Amino acid sequence: MGIKKVENGVTTSMLWITIFLSALVMVLVIPNIYLDNHIYYESREIAHLQAVKLTFEEEQKIIKNKLERINYEENLRKQDIK
């Protein structure tokens, strides 16, 4: 009778399968991480630009009100001169 030798350790094929699966997981995960980070930083930039836009719109309203007041005062002065 022949006794079969059973391997209890890590075989070369198991090592290659592990390396291949690890590489496959990395190939699938790394682009997702990159895209998530890119989207996060772009959304932060958009939020900053929206805040700047809101600030400029408020400043524009203030300047328009000042200009209207100056025009009104100028029109009153012109009427007083006549």
PDB file of N, CA and C in Angstrom:
ATOM      1  N   MET A   1       0.820  -1.175   0.000  1.00  0.00           N
ATOM      2  CA  MET A   1       0.000   0.000   0.000  1.00  0.00           C
ATOM      3  C   MET A   1       0.863   1.237   0.000  1.00  0.00           C
ATOM      4  N   GLY A   2       0.433   2.226  -0.862  1.00  0.00           N
ATOM      5  CA  GLY A   2       1.170   3.481  -0.919  1.00  0.00           C
ATOM      6  C   GLY A   2       0.523   4.535  -0.037  1.00  0.00           C
ATOM      7  N   ILE A   3       1.332   5.217   0.643  1.00  0.00           N
ATOM      8  CA  ILE A   3       0.837   6.287   1.509  1.00  0.00           C
ATOM      9  C   ILE A   3       0.951   7.598   0.745  1.00  0.00           C
ATOM     10  N   LYS A   4      -0.175   8.318   0.680  1.00  0.00           N
ATOM     11  CA  LYS A   4      -0.179   9.608  -0.007  1.00  0.00           C
ATOM     12  C   LYS A   4       0.329  10.684   0.927  1.00  0.00           C
ATOM     13  N   LYS A   5       1.170  11.497   0.352  1.00  0.00           N
ATOM     14  CA  LYS A   5       1.707  12.610   1.141  1.00  0.00           C
ATOM     15  C   LYS A   5       0.753  13.795   1.021  1.00  0.00           C
ATOM     16  N   VAL A   6       0.282  14.327   2.151  1.00  0.00           N
ATOM     17  CA  VAL A   6      -0.645  15.459   2.173  1.00  0.00           C
ATOM     18  C   VAL A   6       0.138  16.688   2.592  1.00  0.00           C
ATOM     19  N   GLU A   7       0.003  17.739   1.766  1.00  0.00           N
ATOM     20  CA  GLU A   7       0.696  18.993   2.091  1.00  0.00           C
ATOM     21  C   GLU A   7      -0.149  19.802   3.062  1.00  0.00           C
ATOM     22  N   ASN A   8       0.456  20.286   4.093  1.00  0.00           N
ATOM     23  CA  ASN A   8      -0.260  21.085   5.081  1.00  0.00           C
ATOM     24  C   ASN A   8       0.154  22.555   5.045  1.00  0.00           C
ATOM     25  N   GLY A   9       1.093  22.899   4.216  1.00  0.00           N
ATOM     26  CA  GLY A   9       1.590  24.268   4.176  1.00  0.00           C
ATOM     27  C   GLY A   9       0.994  25.068   3.025  1.00  0.00           C
ATOM     28  N   VAL A  10       1.607  26.186   2.757  1.00  0.00           N
ATOM     29  CA  VAL A  10       1.165  27.058   1.674  1.00  0.00           C
ATOM     30  C   VAL A  10       1.874  26.626   0.401  1.00  0.00           C
ATOM     31  N   THR A  11       1.078  26.365  -0.609  1.00  0.00           N
ATOM     32  CA  THR A  11       1.662  25.963  -1.884  1.00  0.00           C
ATOM     33  C   THR A  11       1.920  27.192  -2.749  1.00  0.00           C
ATOM     34  N   THR A  12       2.694  27.010  -3.780  1.00  0.00           N
ATOM     35  CA  THR A  12       3.005  28.105  -4.697  1.00  0.00           C
ATOM     36  C   THR A  12       1.745  28.605  -5.391  1.00  0.00           C
ATOM     37  N   SER A  13       0.876  27.695  -5.768  1.00  0.00           N
ATOM     38  CA  SER A  13      -0.358  28.118  -6.448  1.00  0.00           C
ATOM     39  C   SER A  13      -1.247  28.925  -5.512  1.00  0.00           C
ATOM     40  N   MET A  14      -1.293  28.569  -4.253  1.00  0.00           N
ATOM     41  CA  MET A  14      -2.088  29.342  -3.285  1.00  0.00           C
ATOM     42  C   MET A  14      -1.507  30.750  -3.129  1.00  0.00           C
ATOM     43  N   LEU A  15      -0.184  30.856  -3.140  1.00  0.00           N
ATOM     44  CA  LEU A  15       0.479  32.150  -3.035  1.00  0.00           C
ATOM     45  C   LEU A  15       0.166  33.026  -4.241  1.00  0.00           C
ATOM     46  N   TRP A  16       0.219  32.434  -5.446  1.00  0.00           N
ATOM     47  CA  TRP A  16      -0.084  33.200  -6.659  1.00  0.00           C
ATOM     48  C   TRP A  16      -1.548  33.630  -6.695  1.00  0.00           C
ATOM     49  N   ILE A  17      -2.431  32.774  -6.275  1.00  0.00           N
ATOM     50  CA  ILE A  17      -3.861  33.127  -6.232  1.00  0.00           C
ATOM     51  C   ILE A  17      -4.086  34.277  -5.255  1.00  0.00           C
ATOM     52  N   THR A  18      -3.428  34.234  -4.112  1.00  0.00           N
ATOM     53  CA  THR A  18      -3.550  35.300  -3.122  1.00  0.00           C
ATOM     54  C   THR A  18      -3.018  36.619  -3.675  1.00  0.00           C
ATOM     55  N   ILE A  19      -1.865  36.573  -4.331  1.00  0.00           N
ATOM     56  CA  ILE A  19      -1.287  37.790  -4.926  1.00  0.00           C
ATOM     57  C   ILE A  19      -2.206  38.327  -6.014  1.00  0.00           C
ATOM     58  N   PHE A  20      -2.725  37.450  -6.868  1.00  0.00           N
ATOM     59  CA  PHE A  20      -3.616  37.872  -7.935  1.00  0.00           C
ATOM     60  C   PHE A  20      -4.893  38.505  -7.380  1.00  0.00           C
ATOM     61  N   LEU A  21      -5.491  37.878  -6.389  1.00  0.00           N
ATOM     62  CA  LEU A  21      -6.725  38.429  -5.810  1.00  0.00           C
ATOM     63  C   LEU A  21      -6.471  39.763  -5.098  1.00  0.00           C
ATOM     64  N   SER A  22      -5.335  39.875  -4.438  1.00  0.00           N
ATOM     65  CA  SER A  22      -4.983  41.148  -3.790  1.00  0.00           C
ATOM     66  C   SER A  22      -4.807  42.247  -4.825  1.00  0.00           C
ATOM     67  N   ALA A  23      -4.130  41.924  -5.926  1.00  0.00           N
ATOM     68  CA  ALA A  23      -3.947  42.908  -6.995  1.00  0.00           C
ATOM     69  C   ALA A  23      -5.281  43.288  -7.618  1.00  0.00           C
ATOM     70  N   LEU A  24      -6.162  42.320  -7.799  1.00  0.00           N
ATOM     71  CA  LEU A  24      -7.487  42.593  -8.368  1.00  0.00           C
ATOM     72  C   LEU A  24      -8.289  43.521  -7.458  1.00  0.00           C
ATOM     73  N   VAL A  25      -8.253  43.261  -6.181  1.00  0.00           N
ATOM     74  CA  VAL A  25      -8.958  44.122  -5.217  1.00  0.00           C
ATOM     75  C   VAL A  25      -8.384  45.537  -5.273  1.00  0.00           C
ATOM     76  N   MET A  26      -7.061  45.657  -5.332  1.00  0.00           N
ATOM     77  CA  MET A  26      -6.436  46.985  -5.403  1.00  0.00           C
ATOM     78  C   MET A  26      -6.847  47.722  -6.676  1.00  0.00           C
ATOM     79  N   VAL A  27      -6.877  47.002  -7.789  1.00  0.00           N
ATOM     80  CA  VAL A  27      -7.266  47.626  -9.062  1.00  0.00           C
ATOM     81  C   VAL A  27      -8.705  48.124  -8.999  1.00  0.00           C
ATOM     82  N   LEU A  28      -9.549  47.421  -8.286  1.00  0.00           N
ATOM     83  CA  LEU A  28     -10.953  47.827  -8.195  1.00  0.00           C
ATOM     84  C   LEU A  28     -11.186  48.917  -7.144  1.00  0.00           C
ATOM     85  N   VAL A  29     -10.381  48.954  -6.097  1.00  0.00           N
ATOM     86  CA  VAL A  29     -10.623  49.867  -4.986  1.00  0.00           C
ATOM     87  C   VAL A  29      -9.930  51.218  -5.172  1.00  0.00           C
ATOM     88  N   ILE A  30      -8.719  51.225  -5.679  1.00  0.00           N
ATOM     89  CA  ILE A  30      -7.956  52.477  -5.771  1.00  0.00           C
ATOM     90  C   ILE A  30      -8.648  53.532  -6.637  1.00  0.00           C
ATOM     91  N   PRO A  31      -9.189  53.204  -7.815  1.00  0.00           N
ATOM     92  CA  PRO A  31      -9.911  54.249  -8.565  1.00  0.00           C
ATOM     93  C   PRO A  31     -11.099  54.820  -7.799  1.00  0.00           C
ATOM     94  N   ASN A  32     -11.794  53.975  -7.049  1.00  0.00           N
ATOM     95  CA  ASN A  32     -12.937  54.446  -6.266  1.00  0.00           C
ATOM     96  C   ASN A  32     -12.481  55.427  -5.189  1.00  0.00           C
ATOM     97  N   ILE A  33     -11.387  55.130  -4.517  1.00  0.00           N
ATOM     98  CA  ILE A  33     -10.852  56.034  -3.493  1.00  0.00           C
ATOM     99  C   ILE A  33     -10.448  57.357  -4.122  1.00  0.00           C
ATOM    100  N   TYR A  34      -9.779  57.281  -5.271  1.00  0.00           N
ATOM    101  CA  TYR A  34      -9.366  58.503  -5.965  1.00  0.00           C
ATOM    102  C   TYR A  34     -10.579  59.345  -6.337  1.00  0.00           C
ATOM    103  N   LEU A  35     -11.594  58.718  -6.908  1.00  0.00           N
ATOM    104  CA  LEU A  35     -12.792  59.464  -7.317  1.00  0.00           C
ATOM    105  C   LEU A  35     -13.516  60.067  -6.120  1.00  0.00           C
ATOM    106  N   ASP A  36     -13.612  59.329  -5.038  1.00  0.00           N
ATOM    107  CA  ASP A  36     -14.257  59.857  -3.832  1.00  0.00           C
ATOM    108  C   ASP A  36     -13.526  61.087  -3.313  1.00  0.00           C
ATOM    109  N   ASN A  37     -12.199  61.020  -3.270  1.00  0.00           N
ATOM    110  CA  ASN A  37     -11.413  62.167  -2.820  1.00  0.00           C
ATOM    111  C   ASN A  37     -11.564  63.341  -3.770  1.00  0.00           C
ATOM    112  N   HIS A  38     -11.551  63.064  -5.062  1.00  0.00           N
ATOM    113  CA  HIS A  38     -11.683  64.132  -6.059  1.00  0.00           C
ATOM    114  C   HIS A  38     -13.046  64.813  -5.931  1.00  0.00           C
ATOM    115  N   ILE A  39     -14.084  64.031  -5.780  1.00  0.00           N
ATOM    116  CA  ILE A  39     -15.435  64.590  -5.620  1.00  0.00           C
ATOM    117  C   ILE A  39     -15.511  65.421  -4.341  1.00  0.00           C
ATOM    118  N   TYR A  40     -14.908  64.944  -3.268  1.00  0.00           N
ATOM    119  CA  TYR A  40     -14.928  65.675  -2.001  1.00  0.00           C
ATOM    120  C   TYR A  40     -14.275  67.045  -2.145  1.00  0.00           C
ATOM    121  N   TYR A  41     -13.078  67.092  -2.734  1.00  0.00           N
ATOM    122  CA  TYR A  41     -12.378  68.370  -2.866  1.00  0.00           C
ATOM    123  C   TYR A  41     -13.067  69.292  -3.865  1.00  0.00           C
ATOM    124  N   GLU A  42     -13.650  68.741  -4.916  1.00  0.00           N
ATOM    125  CA  GLU A  42     -14.400  69.576  -5.859  1.00  0.00           C
ATOM    126  C   GLU A  42     -15.642  70.167  -5.191  1.00  0.00           C
ATOM    127  N   SER A  43     -16.324  69.382  -4.365  1.00  0.00           N
ATOM    128  CA  SER A  43     -17.517  69.899  -3.695  1.00  0.00           C
ATOM    129  C   SER A  43     -17.140  70.989  -2.686  1.00  0.00           C
ATOM    130  N   ARG A  44     -15.976  70.840  -2.029  1.00  0.00           N
ATOM    131  CA  ARG A  44     -15.507  71.905  -1.134  1.00  0.00           C
ATOM    132  C   ARG A  44     -15.235  73.188  -1.921  1.00  0.00           C
ATOM    133  N   GLU A  45     -14.626  73.054  -3.081  1.00  0.00           N
ATOM    134  CA  GLU A  45     -14.343  74.221  -3.924  1.00  0.00           C
ATOM    135  C   GLU A  45     -15.642  74.874  -4.386  1.00  0.00           C
ATOM    136  N   ILE A  46     -16.622  74.066  -4.764  1.00  0.00           N
ATOM    137  CA  ILE A  46     -17.923  74.603  -5.191  1.00  0.00           C
ATOM    138  C   ILE A  46     -18.590  75.349  -4.045  1.00  0.00           C
ATOM    139  N   ALA A  47     -18.558  74.793  -2.852  1.00  0.00           N
ATOM    140  CA  ALA A  47     -19.161  75.458  -1.692  1.00  0.00           C
ATOM    141  C   ALA A  47     -18.468  76.787  -1.422  1.00  0.00           C
ATOM    142  N   HIS A  48     -17.136  76.814  -1.552  1.00  0.00           N
ATOM    143  CA  HIS A  48     -16.392  78.063  -1.340  1.00  0.00           C
ATOM    144  C   HIS A  48     -16.790  79.099  -2.389  1.00  0.00           C
ATOM    145  N   LEU A  49     -16.871  78.680  -3.652  1.00  0.00           N
ATOM    146  CA  LEU A  49     -17.239  79.621  -4.712  1.00  0.00           C
ATOM    147  C   LEU A  49     -18.678  80.119  -4.557  1.00  0.00           C
ATOM    148  N   GLN A  50     -19.573  79.269  -4.071  1.00  0.00           N
ATOM    149  CA  GLN A  50     -20.947  79.712  -3.827  1.00  0.00           C
ATOM    150  C   GLN A  50     -20.988  80.755  -2.710  1.00  0.00           C
ATOM    151  N   ALA A  51     -20.164  80.581  -1.693  1.00  0.00           N
ATOM    152  CA  ALA A  51     -20.105  81.562  -0.609  1.00  0.00           C
ATOM    153  C   ALA A  51     -19.554  82.887  -1.128  1.00  0.00           C
ATOM    154  N   VAL A  52     -18.538  82.823  -1.971  1.00  0.00           N
ATOM    155  CA  VAL A  52     -17.969  84.047  -2.554  1.00  0.00           C
ATOM    156  C   VAL A  52     -19.009  84.733  -3.434  1.00  0.00           C
ATOM    157  N   LYS A  53     -19.749  83.949  -4.218  1.00  0.00           N
ATOM    158  CA  LYS A  53     -20.796  84.515  -5.076  1.00  0.00           C
ATOM    159  C   LYS A  53     -21.853  85.220  -4.240  1.00  0.00           C
ATOM    160  N   LEU A  54     -22.278  84.594  -3.154  1.00  0.00           N
ATOM    161  CA  LEU A  54     -23.278  85.195  -2.278  1.00  0.00           C
ATOM    162  C   LEU A  54     -22.755  86.505  -1.682  1.00  0.00           C
ATOM    163  N   THR A  55     -21.497  86.510  -1.297  1.00  0.00           N
ATOM    164  CA  THR A  55     -20.889  87.725  -0.747  1.00  0.00           C
ATOM    165  C   THR A  55     -20.888  88.844  -1.782  1.00  0.00           C
ATOM    166  N   PHE A  56     -20.503  88.505  -3.013  1.00  0.00           N
ATOM    167  CA  PHE A  56     -20.482  89.516  -4.076  1.00  0.00           C
ATOM    168  C   PHE A  56     -21.880  90.023  -4.408  1.00  0.00           C
ATOM    169  N   GLU A  57     -22.869  89.145  -4.371  1.00  0.00           N
ATOM    170  CA  GLU A  57     -24.238  89.579  -4.645  1.00  0.00           C
ATOM    171  C   GLU A  57     -24.723  90.551  -3.567  1.00  0.00           C
ATOM    172  N   GLU A  58     -24.409  90.264  -2.310  1.00  0.00           N
ATOM    173  CA  GLU A  58     -24.783  91.169  -1.227  1.00  0.00           C
ATOM    174  C   GLU A  58     -24.063  92.508  -1.377  1.00  0.00           C
ATOM    175  N   GLU A  59     -22.784  92.457  -1.719  1.00  0.00           N
ATOM    176  CA  GLU A  59     -22.023  93.688  -1.909  1.00  0.00           C
ATOM    177  C   GLU A  59     -22.585  94.497  -3.082  1.00  0.00           C
ATOM    178  N   GLN A  60     -23.012  93.795  -4.127  1.00  0.00           N
ATOM    179  CA  GLN A  60     -23.603  94.471  -5.282  1.00  0.00           C
ATOM    180  C   GLN A  60     -24.892  95.201  -4.881  1.00  0.00           C
ATOM    181  N   LYS A  61     -25.707  94.554  -4.045  1.00  0.00           N
ATOM    182  CA  LYS A  61     -26.946  95.205  -3.582  1.00  0.00           C
ATOM    183  C   LYS A  61     -26.628  96.468  -2.790  1.00  0.00           C
ATOM    184  N   ILE A  62     -25.628  96.386  -1.921  1.00  0.00           N
ATOM    185  CA  ILE A  62     -25.238  97.548  -1.115  1.00  0.00           C
ATOM    186  C   ILE A  62     -24.766  98.681  -2.017  1.00  0.00           C
ATOM    187  N   ILE A  63     -23.938  98.354  -3.004  1.00  0.00           N
ATOM    188  CA  ILE A  63     -23.413  99.381  -3.916  1.00  0.00           C
ATOM    189  C   ILE A  63     -24.538  99.981  -4.745  1.00  0.00           C
ATOM    190  N   LYS A  64     -25.495  99.159  -5.203  1.00  0.00           N
ATOM    191  CA  LYS A  64     -26.630  99.686  -5.974  1.00  0.00           C
ATOM    192  C   LYS A  64     -27.458 100.646  -5.120  1.00  0.00           C
ATOM    193  N   ASN A  65     -27.678 100.287  -3.857  1.00  0.00           N
ATOM    194  CA  ASN A  65     -28.437 101.170  -2.968  1.00  0.00           C
ATOM    195  C   ASN A  65     -27.704 102.496  -2.760  1.00  0.00           C
ATOM    196  N   LYS A  66     -26.390 102.436  -2.579  1.00  0.00           N
ATOM    197  CA  LYS A  66     -25.613 103.675  -2.422  1.00  0.00           C
ATOM    198  C   LYS A  66     -25.688 104.522  -3.682  1.00  0.00           C
ATOM    199  N   LEU A  67     -25.592 103.866  -4.841  1.00  0.00           N
ATOM    200  CA  LEU A  67     -25.660 104.593  -6.103  1.00  0.00           C
ATOM    201  C   LEU A  67     -27.030 105.234  -6.292  1.00  0.00           C
ATOM    202  N   GLU A  68     -28.093 104.531  -5.950  1.00  0.00           N
ATOM    203  CA  GLU A  68     -29.438 105.105  -6.043  1.00  0.00           C
ATOM    204  C   GLU A  68     -29.576 106.319  -5.117  1.00  0.00           C
ATOM    205  N   ARG A  69     -29.035 106.222  -3.909  1.00  0.00           N
ATOM    206  CA  ARG A  69     -29.097 107.344  -2.978  1.00  0.00           C
ATOM    207  C   ARG A  69     -28.311 108.537  -3.518  1.00  0.00           C
ATOM    208  N   ILE A  70     -27.135 108.276  -4.075  1.00  0.00           N
ATOM    209  CA  ILE A  70     -26.325 109.368  -4.647  1.00  0.00           C
ATOM    210  C   ILE A  70     -27.055 110.011  -5.820  1.00  0.00           C
ATOM    211  N   ASN A  71     -27.667 109.195  -6.692  1.00  0.00           N
ATOM    212  CA  ASN A  71     -28.415 109.750  -7.832  1.00  0.00           C
ATOM    213  C   ASN A  71     -29.614 110.569  -7.351  1.00  0.00           C
ATOM    214  N   TYR A  72     -30.277 110.080  -6.323  1.00  0.00           N
ATOM    215  CA  TYR A  72     -31.418 110.805  -5.776  1.00  0.00           C
ATOM    216  C   TYR A  72     -30.973 112.161  -5.217  1.00  0.00           C
ATOM    217  N   GLU A  73     -29.894 112.152  -4.439  1.00  0.00           N
ATOM    218  CA  GLU A  73     -29.381 113.403  -3.877  1.00  0.00           C
ATOM    219  C   GLU A  73     -28.921 114.352  -4.983  1.00  0.00           C
ATOM    220  N   GLU A  74     -28.323 113.818  -6.020  1.00  0.00           N
ATOM    221  CA  GLU A  74     -27.882 114.647  -7.152  1.00  0.00           C
ATOM    222  C   GLU A  74     -29.080 115.275  -7.860  1.00  0.00           C
ATOM    223  N   ASN A  75     -30.140 114.482  -8.023  1.00  0.00           N
ATOM    224  CA  ASN A  75     -31.362 115.022  -8.656  1.00  0.00           C
ATOM    225  C   ASN A  75     -31.980 116.121  -7.789  1.00  0.00           C
ATOM    226  N   LEU A  76     -31.951 115.972  -6.463  1.00  0.00           N
ATOM    227  CA  LEU A  76     -32.481 117.015  -5.581  1.00  0.00           C
ATOM    228  C   LEU A  76     -31.655 118.289  -5.711  1.00  0.00           C
ATOM    229  N   ARG A  77     -30.336 118.136  -5.773  1.00  0.00           N
ATOM    230  CA  ARG A  77     -29.475 119.322  -5.913  1.00  0.00           C
ATOM    231  C   ARG A  77     -29.712 120.037  -7.231  1.00  0.00           C
ATOM    232  N   LYS A  78     -29.913 119.258  -8.291  1.00  0.00           N
ATOM    233  CA  LYS A  78     -30.174 119.868  -9.605  1.00  0.00           C
ATOM    234  C   LYS A  78     -31.497 120.640  -9.553  1.00  0.00           C
ATOM    235  N   GLN A  79     -32.490 120.110  -8.853  1.00  0.00           N
ATOM    236  CA  GLN A  79     -33.779 120.803  -8.767  1.00  0.00           C
ATOM    237  C   GLN A  79     -33.650 122.074  -7.930  1.00  0.00           C
ATOM    238  N   ASP A  80     -32.804 122.055  -6.915  1.00  0.00           N
ATOM    239  CA  ASP A  80     -32.611 123.233  -6.086  1.00  0.00           C
ATOM    240  C   ASP A  80     -31.917 124.340  -6.869  1.00  0.00           C
ATOM    241  N   ILE A  81     -31.039 123.989  -7.775  1.00  0.00           N
ATOM    242  CA  ILE A  81     -30.301 124.982  -8.558  1.00  0.00           C
ATOM    243  C   ILE A  81     -31.220 125.691  -9.531  1.00  0.00           C
ATOM    244  N   LYS A  82     -32.175 124.989 -10.085  1.00  0.00           N
ATOM    245  CA  LYS A  82     -33.042 125.585 -11.088  1.00  0.00           C
ATOM    246  C   LYS A  82     -33.948 126.564 -10.487  1.00  0.00           C
TER     247      LYS A  82
END
